[in-house]
Amino acid sequence: MHKRKVGRTFSRKTDQRRAFLLGLERALILENRIHTTDARAREIRPRIERLVTHAKKGTLAARRQLIGTVGGEAAKKMFEEIAKRYTERSGGYTRIIKKEPRKSDGARLAIIEFV
């Protein structure tokens, strides 16, 4: 039986798509808010939520996993700033705010930010 694939492809091959999403994740961590399309924001939201949950653990293993995923600078910010903000919160660390469509191609835009 044919099973549907999970996630959006963004008309990219797997390695390009992973790098593209990783760049969006890093930008969101370092900037706390990014303007992007609605589809991109929806795709990185669960990934960011998972990273924040790992950072909240505060263990050495979690730190190494984050460094391996998003790099040193972003992992440091996750542990020192972002994870400390959400110690009492058990999920829902990001919000997506819809904006009006882009004039050139009509793409639905959104702002994704940490709550």
PDB file of N, CA and C in Angstrom:
ATOM      1  N   MET A   1       0.829  -1.163   0.000  1.00  0.00           N
ATOM      2  CA  MET A   1       0.000   0.000   0.000  1.00  0.00           C
ATOM      3  C   MET A   1       0.889   1.248   0.000  1.00  0.00           C
ATOM      4  N   HIS A   2       0.498   2.225  -0.792  1.00  0.00           N
ATOM      5  CA  HIS A   2       1.274   3.461  -0.891  1.00  0.00           C
ATOM      6  C   HIS A   2       1.025   4.325   0.343  1.00  0.00           C
ATOM      7  N   LYS A   3       2.082   4.723   1.000  1.00  0.00           N
ATOM      8  CA  LYS A   3       1.977   5.585   2.175  1.00  0.00           C
ATOM      9  C   LYS A   3       2.461   6.978   1.815  1.00  0.00           C
ATOM     10  N   ARG A   4       1.762   7.943   2.303  1.00  0.00           N
ATOM     11  CA  ARG A   4       2.125   9.324   2.022  1.00  0.00           C
ATOM     12  C   ARG A   4       3.343   9.717   2.847  1.00  0.00           C
ATOM     13  N   LYS A   5       4.241  10.497   2.256  1.00  0.00           N
ATOM     14  CA  LYS A   5       5.430  10.947   2.960  1.00  0.00           C
ATOM     15  C   LYS A   5       5.101  12.116   3.881  1.00  0.00           C
ATOM     16  N   VAL A   6       5.807  12.181   4.974  1.00  0.00           N
ATOM     17  CA  VAL A   6       5.567  13.224   5.960  1.00  0.00           C
ATOM     18  C   VAL A   6       6.470  14.409   5.660  1.00  0.00           C
ATOM     19  N   GLY A   7       5.948  15.608   5.771  1.00  0.00           N
ATOM     20  CA  GLY A   7       6.756  16.811   5.599  1.00  0.00           C
ATOM     21  C   GLY A   7       6.712  17.357   4.186  1.00  0.00           C
ATOM     22  N   ARG A   8       7.111  18.580   4.071  1.00  0.00           N
ATOM     23  CA  ARG A   8       7.121  19.263   2.780  1.00  0.00           C
ATOM     24  C   ARG A   8       8.488  19.090   2.133  1.00  0.00           C
ATOM     25  N   THR A   9       8.504  19.081   0.801  1.00  0.00           N
ATOM     26  CA  THR A   9       9.776  18.887   0.104  1.00  0.00           C
ATOM     27  C   THR A   9      10.375  20.203  -0.379  1.00  0.00           C
ATOM     28  N   PHE A  10       9.559  21.229  -0.544  1.00  0.00           N
ATOM     29  CA  PHE A  10      10.026  22.542  -0.994  1.00  0.00           C
ATOM     30  C   PHE A  10      10.789  22.453  -2.316  1.00  0.00           C
ATOM     31  N   SER A  11      10.468  21.481  -3.144  1.00  0.00           N
ATOM     32  CA  SER A  11      11.098  21.289  -4.457  1.00  0.00           C
ATOM     33  C   SER A  11      12.615  21.209  -4.347  1.00  0.00           C
ATOM     34  N   ARG A  12      13.086  20.531  -3.318  1.00  0.00           N
ATOM     35  CA  ARG A  12      14.518  20.364  -3.108  1.00  0.00           C
ATOM     36  C   ARG A  12      14.823  18.902  -2.853  1.00  0.00           C
ATOM     37  N   LYS A  13      16.056  18.536  -3.146  1.00  0.00           N
ATOM     38  CA  LYS A  13      16.499  17.190  -2.817  1.00  0.00           C
ATOM     39  C   LYS A  13      16.757  17.110  -1.316  1.00  0.00           C
ATOM     40  N   THR A  14      16.903  15.904  -0.804  1.00  0.00           N
ATOM     41  CA  THR A  14      16.972  15.691   0.638  1.00  0.00           C
ATOM     42  C   THR A  14      18.085  16.479   1.308  1.00  0.00           C
ATOM     43  N   ASP A  15      19.290  16.423   0.776  1.00  0.00           N
ATOM     44  CA  ASP A  15      20.399  17.120   1.426  1.00  0.00           C
ATOM     45  C   ASP A  15      20.218  18.628   1.391  1.00  0.00           C
ATOM     46  N   GLN A  16      19.706  19.139   0.281  1.00  0.00           N
ATOM     47  CA  GLN A  16      19.465  20.575   0.173  1.00  0.00           C
ATOM     48  C   GLN A  16      18.357  21.012   1.123  1.00  0.00           C
ATOM     49  N   ARG A  17      17.325  20.179   1.235  1.00  0.00           N
ATOM     50  CA  ARG A  17      16.200  20.500   2.118  1.00  0.00           C
ATOM     51  C   ARG A  17      16.641  20.504   3.578  1.00  0.00           C
ATOM     52  N   ARG A  18      17.456  19.543   3.973  1.00  0.00           N
ATOM     53  CA  ARG A  18      17.947  19.510   5.353  1.00  0.00           C
ATOM     54  C   ARG A  18      18.774  20.747   5.672  1.00  0.00           C
ATOM     55  N   ALA A  19      19.651  21.131   4.753  1.00  0.00           N
ATOM     56  CA  ALA A  19      20.488  22.313   4.956  1.00  0.00           C
ATOM     57  C   ALA A  19      19.624  23.577   5.011  1.00  0.00           C
ATOM     58  N   PHE A  20      18.640  23.644   4.159  1.00  0.00           N
ATOM     59  CA  PHE A  20      17.731  24.789   4.099  1.00  0.00           C
ATOM     60  C   PHE A  20      16.957  24.946   5.413  1.00  0.00           C
ATOM     61  N   LEU A  21      16.400  23.857   5.927  1.00  0.00           N
ATOM     62  CA  LEU A  21      15.649  23.911   7.174  1.00  0.00           C
ATOM     63  C   LEU A  21      16.560  24.190   8.362  1.00  0.00           C
ATOM     64  N   LEU A  22      17.759  23.656   8.324  1.00  0.00           N
ATOM     65  CA  LEU A  22      18.722  23.909   9.390  1.00  0.00           C
ATOM     66  C   LEU A  22      19.097  25.394   9.433  1.00  0.00           C
ATOM     67  N   GLY A  23      19.245  25.995   8.268  1.00  0.00           N
ATOM     68  CA  GLY A  23      19.530  27.429   8.213  1.00  0.00           C
ATOM     69  C   GLY A  23      18.394  28.250   8.803  1.00  0.00           C
ATOM     70  N   LEU A  24      17.149  27.854   8.523  1.00  0.00           N
ATOM     71  CA  LEU A  24      16.000  28.550   9.110  1.00  0.00           C
ATOM     72  C   LEU A  24      15.973  28.379  10.623  1.00  0.00           C
ATOM     73  N   GLU A  25      16.281  27.166  11.090  1.00  0.00           N
ATOM     74  CA  GLU A  25      16.301  26.920  12.533  1.00  0.00           C
ATOM     75  C   GLU A  25      17.357  27.776  13.221  1.00  0.00           C
ATOM     76  N   ARG A  26      18.557  27.815  12.658  1.00  0.00           N
ATOM     77  CA  ARG A  26      19.632  28.623  13.244  1.00  0.00           C
ATOM     78  C   ARG A  26      19.253  30.088  13.282  1.00  0.00           C
ATOM     79  N   ALA A  27      18.665  30.569  12.186  1.00  0.00           N
ATOM     80  CA  ALA A  27      18.269  31.974  12.130  1.00  0.00           C
ATOM     81  C   ALA A  27      17.239  32.296  13.207  1.00  0.00           C
ATOM     82  N   LEU A  28      16.277  31.401  13.400  1.00  0.00           N
ATOM     83  CA  LEU A  28      15.257  31.632  14.418  1.00  0.00           C
ATOM     84  C   LEU A  28      15.868  31.635  15.815  1.00  0.00           C
ATOM     85  N   ILE A  29      16.785  30.726  16.066  1.00  0.00           N
ATOM     86  CA  ILE A  29      17.422  30.663  17.394  1.00  0.00           C
ATOM     87  C   ILE A  29      18.245  31.919  17.654  1.00  0.00           C
ATOM     88  N   LEU A  30      19.001  32.348  16.671  1.00  0.00           N
ATOM     89  CA  LEU A  30      19.891  33.496  16.873  1.00  0.00           C
ATOM     90  C   LEU A  30      19.150  34.836  16.852  1.00  0.00           C
ATOM     91  N   GLU A  31      18.085  34.925  16.064  1.00  0.00           N
ATOM     92  CA  GLU A  31      17.373  36.198  15.915  1.00  0.00           C
ATOM     93  C   GLU A  31      16.102  36.289  16.761  1.00  0.00           C
ATOM     94  N   ASN A  32      15.598  35.163  17.264  1.00  0.00           N
ATOM     95  CA  ASN A  32      14.358  35.074  18.047  1.00  0.00           C
ATOM     96  C   ASN A  32      13.088  35.298  17.241  1.00  0.00           C
ATOM     97  N   ARG A  33      13.191  35.750  16.013  1.00  0.00           N
ATOM     98  CA  ARG A  33      12.012  35.994  15.170  1.00  0.00           C
ATOM     99  C   ARG A  33      12.467  36.087  13.723  1.00  0.00           C
ATOM    100  N   ILE A  34      11.769  35.400  12.815  1.00  0.00           N
ATOM    101  CA  ILE A  34      12.104  35.506  11.401  1.00  0.00           C
ATOM    102  C   ILE A  34      10.834  35.661  10.574  1.00  0.00           C
ATOM    103  N   HIS A  35      10.961  36.361   9.471  1.00  0.00           N
ATOM    104  CA  HIS A  35       9.887  36.521   8.496  1.00  0.00           C
ATOM    105  C   HIS A  35      10.138  35.499   7.397  1.00  0.00           C
ATOM    106  N   THR A  36       9.152  34.669   7.099  1.00  0.00           N
ATOM    107  CA  THR A  36       9.306  33.633   6.089  1.00  0.00           C
ATOM    108  C   THR A  36       7.925  33.282   5.550  1.00  0.00           C
ATOM    109  N   THR A  37       7.840  32.262   4.722  1.00  0.00           N
ATOM    110  CA  THR A  37       6.531  31.845   4.234  1.00  0.00           C
ATOM    111  C   THR A  37       5.839  30.982   5.279  1.00  0.00           C
ATOM    112  N   ASP A  38       4.544  30.871   5.154  1.00  0.00           N
ATOM    113  CA  ASP A  38       3.753  30.101   6.109  1.00  0.00           C
ATOM    114  C   ASP A  38       4.162  28.629   6.109  1.00  0.00           C
ATOM    115  N   ALA A  39       4.398  28.062   4.942  1.00  0.00           N
ATOM    116  CA  ALA A  39       4.777  26.651   4.852  1.00  0.00           C
ATOM    117  C   ALA A  39       6.120  26.390   5.528  1.00  0.00           C
ATOM    118  N   ARG A  40       7.058  27.274   5.347  1.00  0.00           N
ATOM    119  CA  ARG A  40       8.378  27.121   5.987  1.00  0.00           C
ATOM    120  C   ARG A  40       8.255  27.221   7.498  1.00  0.00           C
ATOM    121  N   ALA A  41       7.462  28.177   7.960  1.00  0.00           N
ATOM    122  CA  ALA A  41       7.274  28.345   9.398  1.00  0.00           C
ATOM    123  C   ALA A  41       6.630  27.111  10.010  1.00  0.00           C
ATOM    124  N   ARG A  42       5.640  26.552   9.347  1.00  0.00           N
ATOM    125  CA  ARG A  42       4.978  25.353   9.863  1.00  0.00           C
ATOM    126  C   ARG A  42       5.899  24.148   9.859  1.00  0.00           C
ATOM    127  N   GLU A  43       6.824  24.123   8.938  1.00  0.00           N
ATOM    128  CA  GLU A  43       7.743  22.985   8.857  1.00  0.00           C
ATOM    129  C   GLU A  43       8.806  23.036   9.956  1.00  0.00           C
ATOM    130  N   ILE A  44       9.287  24.219  10.303  1.00  0.00           N
ATOM    131  CA  ILE A  44      10.354  24.263  11.316  1.00  0.00           C
ATOM    132  C   ILE A  44       9.820  24.322  12.740  1.00  0.00           C
ATOM    133  N   ARG A  45       8.550  24.626  12.898  1.00  0.00           N
ATOM    134  CA  ARG A  45       8.005  24.753  14.251  1.00  0.00           C
ATOM    135  C   ARG A  45       8.202  23.501  15.110  1.00  0.00           C
ATOM    136  N   PRO A  46       7.796  22.299  14.669  1.00  0.00           N
ATOM    137  CA  PRO A  46       8.006  21.133  15.533  1.00  0.00           C
ATOM    138  C   PRO A  46       9.476  20.817  15.774  1.00  0.00           C
ATOM    139  N   ARG A  47      10.318  21.140  14.802  1.00  0.00           N
ATOM    140  CA  ARG A  47      11.749  20.892  14.969  1.00  0.00           C
ATOM    141  C   ARG A  47      12.326  21.792  16.056  1.00  0.00           C
ATOM    142  N   ILE A  48      11.927  23.056  16.059  1.00  0.00           N
ATOM    143  CA  ILE A  48      12.388  24.007  17.074  1.00  0.00           C
ATOM    144  C   ILE A  48      11.859  23.607  18.452  1.00  0.00           C
ATOM    145  N   GLU A  49      10.600  23.195  18.507  1.00  0.00           N
ATOM    146  CA  GLU A  49      10.015  22.791  19.790  1.00  0.00           C
ATOM    147  C   GLU A  49      10.818  21.634  20.381  1.00  0.00           C
ATOM    148  N   ARG A  50      11.208  20.684  19.561  1.00  0.00           N
ATOM    149  CA  ARG A  50      11.983  19.545  20.018  1.00  0.00           C
ATOM    150  C   ARG A  50      13.352  19.984  20.533  1.00  0.00           C
ATOM    151  N   LEU A  51      13.972  20.932  19.824  1.00  0.00           N
ATOM    152  CA  LEU A  51      15.283  21.422  20.253  1.00  0.00           C
ATOM    153  C   LEU A  51      15.205  22.137  21.602  1.00  0.00           C
ATOM    154  N   VAL A  52      14.150  22.907  21.816  1.00  0.00           N
ATOM    155  CA  VAL A  52      13.990  23.603  23.090  1.00  0.00           C
ATOM    156  C   VAL A  52      13.796  22.588  24.211  1.00  0.00           C
ATOM    157  N   THR A  53      13.027  21.541  23.949  1.00  0.00           N
ATOM    158  CA  THR A  53      12.813  20.504  24.955  1.00  0.00           C
ATOM    159  C   THR A  53      14.127  19.828  25.319  1.00  0.00           C
ATOM    160  N   HIS A  54      14.979  19.559  24.333  1.00  0.00           N
ATOM    161  CA  HIS A  54      16.298  18.980  24.603  1.00  0.00           C
ATOM    162  C   HIS A  54      17.142  19.946  25.441  1.00  0.00           C
ATOM    163  N   ALA A  55      17.099  21.223  25.091  1.00  0.00           N
ATOM    164  CA  ALA A  55      17.903  22.213  25.813  1.00  0.00           C
ATOM    165  C   ALA A  55      17.443  22.347  27.260  1.00  0.00           C
ATOM    166  N   LYS A  56      16.152  22.167  27.511  1.00  0.00           N
ATOM    167  CA  LYS A  56      15.635  22.273  28.874  1.00  0.00           C
ATOM    168  C   LYS A  56      16.175  21.172  29.778  1.00  0.00           C
ATOM    169  N   LYS A  57      16.566  20.036  29.206  1.00  0.00           N
ATOM    170  CA  LYS A  57      17.116  18.947  30.016  1.00  0.00           C
ATOM    171  C   LYS A  57      18.410  19.374  30.697  1.00  0.00           C
ATOM    172  N   GLY A  58      19.227  20.141  29.984  1.00  0.00           N
ATOM    173  CA  GLY A  58      20.442  20.681  30.565  1.00  0.00           C
ATOM    174  C   GLY A  58      21.573  19.690  30.757  1.00  0.00           C
ATOM    175  N   THR A  59      21.468  18.502  30.215  1.00  0.00           N
ATOM    176  CA  THR A  59      22.515  17.501  30.391  1.00  0.00           C
ATOM    177  C   THR A  59      23.624  17.695  29.361  1.00  0.00           C
ATOM    178  N   LEU A  60      24.737  17.070  29.631  1.00  0.00           N
ATOM    179  CA  LEU A  60      25.856  17.122  28.699  1.00  0.00           C
ATOM    180  C   LEU A  60      25.481  16.462  27.371  1.00  0.00           C
ATOM    181  N   ALA A  61      24.759  15.360  27.440  1.00  0.00           N
ATOM    182  CA  ALA A  61      24.336  14.665  26.228  1.00  0.00           C
ATOM    183  C   ALA A  61      23.424  15.551  25.376  1.00  0.00           C
ATOM    184  N   ALA A  62      22.516  16.270  26.038  1.00  0.00           N
ATOM    185  CA  ALA A  62      21.619  17.178  25.314  1.00  0.00           C
ATOM    186  C   ALA A  62      22.411  18.318  24.680  1.00  0.00           C
ATOM    187  N   ARG A  63      23.401  18.827  25.407  1.00  0.00           N
ATOM    188  CA  ARG A  63      24.237  19.906  24.870  1.00  0.00           C
ATOM    189  C   ARG A  63      24.994  19.436  23.631  1.00  0.00           C
ATOM    190  N   ARG A  64      25.575  18.245  23.719  1.00  0.00           N
ATOM    191  CA  ARG A  64      26.315  17.707  22.570  1.00  0.00           C
ATOM    192  C   ARG A  64      25.401  17.446  21.386  1.00  0.00           C
ATOM    193  N   GLN A  65      24.199  16.994  21.666  1.00  0.00           N
ATOM    194  CA  GLN A  65      23.254  16.736  20.581  1.00  0.00           C
ATOM    195  C   GLN A  65      22.868  18.042  19.888  1.00  0.00           C
ATOM    196  N   LEU A  66      22.645  19.096  20.653  1.00  0.00           N
ATOM    197  CA  LEU A  66      22.306  20.381  20.059  1.00  0.00           C
ATOM    198  C   LEU A  66      23.476  20.962  19.275  1.00  0.00           C
ATOM    199  N   ILE A  67      24.681  20.838  19.804  1.00  0.00           N
ATOM    200  CA  ILE A  67      25.852  21.335  19.083  1.00  0.00           C
ATOM    201  C   ILE A  67      25.994  20.597  17.759  1.00  0.00           C
ATOM    202  N   GLY A  68      25.752  19.308  17.771  1.00  0.00           N
ATOM    203  CA  GLY A  68      25.821  18.523  16.545  1.00  0.00           C
ATOM    204  C   GLY A  68      24.735  18.881  15.550  1.00  0.00           C
ATOM    205  N   THR A  69      23.613  19.345  16.050  1.00  0.00           N
ATOM    206  CA  THR A  69      22.489  19.671  15.171  1.00  0.00           C
ATOM    207  C   THR A  69      22.565  21.094  14.636  1.00  0.00           C
ATOM    208  N   VAL A  70      22.643  22.082  15.520  1.00  0.00           N
ATOM    209  CA  VAL A  70      22.551  23.481  15.085  1.00  0.00           C
ATOM    210  C   VAL A  70      23.852  24.252  15.172  1.00  0.00           C
ATOM    211  N   GLY A  71      24.901  23.672  15.733  1.00  0.00           N
ATOM    212  CA  GLY A  71      26.176  24.363  15.829  1.00  0.00           C
ATOM    213  C   GLY A  71      26.382  24.990  17.202  1.00  0.00           C
ATOM    214  N   GLY A  72      27.601  25.399  17.463  1.00  0.00           N
ATOM    215  CA  GLY A  72      27.992  25.861  18.780  1.00  0.00           C
ATOM    216  C   GLY A  72      27.335  27.141  19.245  1.00  0.00           C
ATOM    217  N   GLU A  73      27.313  28.154  18.402  1.00  0.00           N
ATOM    218  CA  GLU A  73      26.779  29.452  18.806  1.00  0.00           C
ATOM    219  C   GLU A  73      25.282  29.369  19.107  1.00  0.00           C
ATOM    220  N   ALA A  74      24.545  28.696  18.224  1.00  0.00           N
ATOM    221  CA  ALA A  74      23.101  28.560  18.426  1.00  0.00           C
ATOM    222  C   ALA A  74      22.804  27.682  19.637  1.00  0.00           C
ATOM    223  N   ALA A  75      23.579  26.617  19.834  1.00  0.00           N
ATOM    224  CA  ALA A  75      23.363  25.739  20.983  1.00  0.00           C
ATOM    225  C   ALA A  75      23.627  26.485  22.284  1.00  0.00           C
ATOM    226  N   LYS A  76      24.651  27.310  22.299  1.00  0.00           N
ATOM    227  CA  LYS A  76      24.970  28.095  23.492  1.00  0.00           C
ATOM    228  C   LYS A  76      23.818  29.032  23.843  1.00  0.00           C
ATOM    229  N   LYS A  77      23.257  29.685  22.836  1.00  0.00           N
ATOM    230  CA  LYS A  77      22.139  30.583  23.081  1.00  0.00           C
ATOM    231  C   LYS A  77      20.913  29.806  23.556  1.00  0.00           C
ATOM    232  N   MET A  78      20.705  28.617  23.002  1.00  0.00           N
ATOM    233  CA  MET A  78      19.568  27.791  23.426  1.00  0.00           C
ATOM    234  C   MET A  78      19.672  27.462  24.912  1.00  0.00           C
ATOM    235  N   PHE A  79      20.851  27.056  25.361  1.00  0.00           N
ATOM    236  CA  PHE A  79      21.022  26.661  26.751  1.00  0.00           C
ATOM    237  C   PHE A  79      21.006  27.848  27.698  1.00  0.00           C
ATOM    238  N   GLU A  80      21.673  28.937  27.328  1.00  0.00           N
ATOM    239  CA  GLU A  80      21.833  30.054  28.249  1.00  0.00           C
ATOM    240  C   GLU A  80      20.635  30.988  28.299  1.00  0.00           C
ATOM    241  N   GLU A  81      19.921  31.147  27.195  1.00  0.00           N
ATOM    242  CA  GLU A  81      18.820  32.107  27.172  1.00  0.00           C
ATOM    243  C   GLU A  81      17.457  31.448  26.987  1.00  0.00           C
ATOM    244  N   ILE A  82      17.305  30.732  25.894  1.00  0.00           N
ATOM    245  CA  ILE A  82      15.980  30.253  25.510  1.00  0.00           C
ATOM    246  C   ILE A  82      15.452  29.188  26.461  1.00  0.00           C
ATOM    247  N   ALA A  83      16.260  28.195  26.800  1.00  0.00           N
ATOM    248  CA  ALA A  83      15.787  27.110  27.676  1.00  0.00           C
ATOM    249  C   ALA A  83      15.420  27.628  29.064  1.00  0.00           C
ATOM    250  N   LYS A  84      16.150  28.619  29.554  1.00  0.00           N
ATOM    251  CA  LYS A  84      15.857  29.170  30.878  1.00  0.00           C
ATOM    252  C   LYS A  84      14.524  29.912  30.902  1.00  0.00           C
ATOM    253  N   ARG A  85      14.135  30.474  29.767  1.00  0.00           N
ATOM    254  CA  ARG A  85      12.859  31.176  29.678  1.00  0.00           C
ATOM    255  C   ARG A  85      11.665  30.238  29.853  1.00  0.00           C
ATOM    256  N   TYR A  86      11.843  28.981  29.437  1.00  0.00           N
ATOM    257  CA  TYR A  86      10.710  28.059  29.368  1.00  0.00           C
ATOM    258  C   TYR A  86      10.793  26.916  30.372  1.00  0.00           C
ATOM    259  N   THR A  87      11.416  27.127  31.508  1.00  0.00           N
ATOM    260  CA  THR A  87      11.539  26.046  32.490  1.00  0.00           C
ATOM    261  C   THR A  87      10.180  25.609  33.020  1.00  0.00           C
ATOM    262  N   GLU A  88       9.251  26.524  33.189  1.00  0.00           N
ATOM    263  CA  GLU A  88       7.925  26.195  33.718  1.00  0.00           C
ATOM    264  C   GLU A  88       6.948  25.783  32.622  1.00  0.00           C
ATOM    265  N   ARG A  89       7.280  26.025  31.393  1.00  0.00           N
ATOM    266  CA  ARG A  89       6.365  25.762  30.279  1.00  0.00           C
ATOM    267  C   ARG A  89       6.607  24.368  29.719  1.00  0.00           C
ATOM    268  N   SER A  90       5.538  23.656  29.386  1.00  0.00           N
ATOM    269  CA  SER A  90       5.695  22.283  28.909  1.00  0.00           C
ATOM    270  C   SER A  90       5.336  22.142  27.430  1.00  0.00           C
ATOM    271  N   GLY A  91       5.667  23.120  26.629  1.00  0.00           N
ATOM    272  CA  GLY A  91       5.405  23.044  25.197  1.00  0.00           C
ATOM    273  C   GLY A  91       4.870  24.369  24.698  1.00  0.00           C
ATOM    274  N   GLY A  92       4.752  24.491  23.383  1.00  0.00           N
ATOM    275  CA  GLY A  92       4.234  25.725  22.803  1.00  0.00           C
ATOM    276  C   GLY A  92       5.183  26.881  22.962  1.00  0.00           C
ATOM    277  N   TYR A  93       6.423  26.675  22.549  1.00  0.00           N
ATOM    278  CA  TYR A  93       7.448  27.705  22.727  1.00  0.00           C
ATOM    279  C   TYR A  93       7.466  28.720  21.595  1.00  0.00           C
ATOM    280  N   THR A  94       6.815  28.415  20.487  1.00  0.00           N
ATOM    281  CA  THR A  94       6.833  29.315  19.332  1.00  0.00           C
ATOM    282  C   THR A  94       5.419  29.704  18.950  1.00  0.00           C
ATOM    283  N   ARG A  95       5.326  30.825  18.233  1.00  0.00           N
ATOM    284  CA  ARG A  95       4.031  31.234  17.680  1.00  0.00           C
ATOM    285  C   ARG A  95       4.242  31.629  16.235  1.00  0.00           C
ATOM    286  N   ILE A  96       3.230  31.402  15.422  1.00  0.00           N
ATOM    287  CA  ILE A  96       3.259  31.784  14.013  1.00  0.00           C
ATOM    288  C   ILE A  96       2.182  32.841  13.809  1.00  0.00           C
ATOM    289  N   ILE A  97       2.594  33.993  13.316  1.00  0.00           N
ATOM    290  CA  ILE A  97       1.684  35.101  13.051  1.00  0.00           C
ATOM    291  C   ILE A  97       1.564  35.234  11.533  1.00  0.00           C
ATOM    292  N   LYS A  98       0.352  35.162  11.032  1.00  0.00           N
ATOM    293  CA  LYS A  98       0.130  35.243   9.588  1.00  0.00           C
ATOM    294  C   LYS A  98       0.206  36.702   9.135  1.00  0.00           C
ATOM    295  N   LYS A  99       0.758  36.884   7.935  1.00  0.00           N
ATOM    296  CA  LYS A  99       0.839  38.210   7.327  1.00  0.00           C
ATOM    297  C   LYS A  99       0.121  38.164   5.989  1.00  0.00           C
ATOM    298  N   GLU A 100       0.002  39.323   5.353  1.00  0.00           N
ATOM    299  CA  GLU A 100      -0.668  39.339   4.055  1.00  0.00           C
ATOM    300  C   GLU A 100       0.232  38.724   2.992  1.00  0.00           C
ATOM    301  N   PRO A 101      -0.341  38.200   1.919  1.00  0.00           N
ATOM    302  CA  PRO A 101       0.456  37.526   0.886  1.00  0.00           C
ATOM    303  C   PRO A 101       1.465  38.453   0.221  1.00  0.00           C
ATOM    304  N   ARG A 102       2.541  37.850  -0.260  1.00  0.00           N
ATOM    305  CA  ARG A 102       3.582  38.592  -0.960  1.00  0.00           C
ATOM    306  C   ARG A 102       3.020  39.034  -2.307  1.00  0.00           C
ATOM    307  N   LYS A 103       3.323  40.254  -2.726  1.00  0.00           N
ATOM    308  CA  LYS A 103       2.747  40.792  -3.957  1.00  0.00           C
ATOM    309  C   LYS A 103       3.276  40.096  -5.200  1.00  0.00           C
ATOM    310  N   SER A 104       4.546  39.739  -5.198  1.00  0.00           N
ATOM    311  CA  SER A 104       5.147  39.213  -6.420  1.00  0.00           C
ATOM    312  C   SER A 104       4.586  37.853  -6.827  1.00  0.00           C
ATOM    313  N   ASP A 105       4.466  36.931  -5.880  1.00  0.00           N
ATOM    314  CA  ASP A 105       4.019  35.590  -6.243  1.00  0.00           C
ATOM    315  C   ASP A 105       2.816  35.102  -5.440  1.00  0.00           C
ATOM    316  N   GLY A 106       2.318  35.928  -4.535  1.00  0.00           N
ATOM    317  CA  GLY A 106       1.125  35.564  -3.780  1.00  0.00           C
ATOM    318  C   GLY A 106       1.365  34.562  -2.671  1.00  0.00           C
ATOM    319  N   ALA A 107       2.634  34.320  -2.315  1.00  0.00           N
ATOM    320  CA  ALA A 107       2.939  33.354  -1.259  1.00  0.00           C
ATOM    321  C   ALA A 107       2.448  33.888   0.086  1.00  0.00           C
ATOM    322  N   ARG A 108       1.837  33.009   0.882  1.00  0.00           N
ATOM    323  CA  ARG A 108       1.378  33.407   2.202  1.00  0.00           C
ATOM    324  C   ARG A 108       2.577  33.564   3.123  1.00  0.00           C
ATOM    325  N   LEU A 109       2.706  34.730   3.728  1.00  0.00           N
ATOM    326  CA  LEU A 109       3.849  35.019   4.591  1.00  0.00           C
ATOM    327  C   LEU A 109       3.465  34.863   6.055  1.00  0.00           C
ATOM    328  N   ALA A 110       4.469  34.662   6.875  1.00  0.00           N
ATOM    329  CA  ALA A 110       4.245  34.503   8.312  1.00  0.00           C
ATOM    330  C   ALA A 110       5.491  34.954   9.054  1.00  0.00           C
ATOM    331  N   ILE A 111       5.296  35.230  10.327  1.00  0.00           N
ATOM    332  CA  ILE A 111       6.391  35.519  11.242  1.00  0.00           C
ATOM    333  C   ILE A 111       6.382  34.383  12.258  1.00  0.00           C
ATOM    334  N   ILE A 112       7.525  33.755  12.457  1.00  0.00           N
ATOM    335  CA  ILE A 112       7.634  32.743  13.501  1.00  0.00           C
ATOM    336  C   ILE A 112       8.570  33.302  14.556  1.00  0.00           C
ATOM    337  N   GLU A 113       8.155  33.193  15.822  1.00  0.00           N
ATOM    338  CA  GLU A 113       8.936  33.768  16.889  1.00  0.00           C
ATOM    339  C   GLU A 113       8.758  32.943  18.152  1.00  0.00           C
ATOM    340  N   PHE A 114       9.681  33.140  19.098  1.00  0.00           N
ATOM    341  CA  PHE A 114       9.540  32.510  20.397  1.00  0.00           C
ATOM    342  C   PHE A 114       8.535  33.295  21.210  1.00  0.00           C
ATOM    343  N   VAL A 115       7.720  32.590  21.974  1.00  0.00           N
ATOM    344  CA  VAL A 115       6.674  33.220  22.791  1.00  0.00           C
ATOM    345  C   VAL A 115       7.317  33.969  23.934  1.00  0.00           C
TER     346      VAL A 115
END
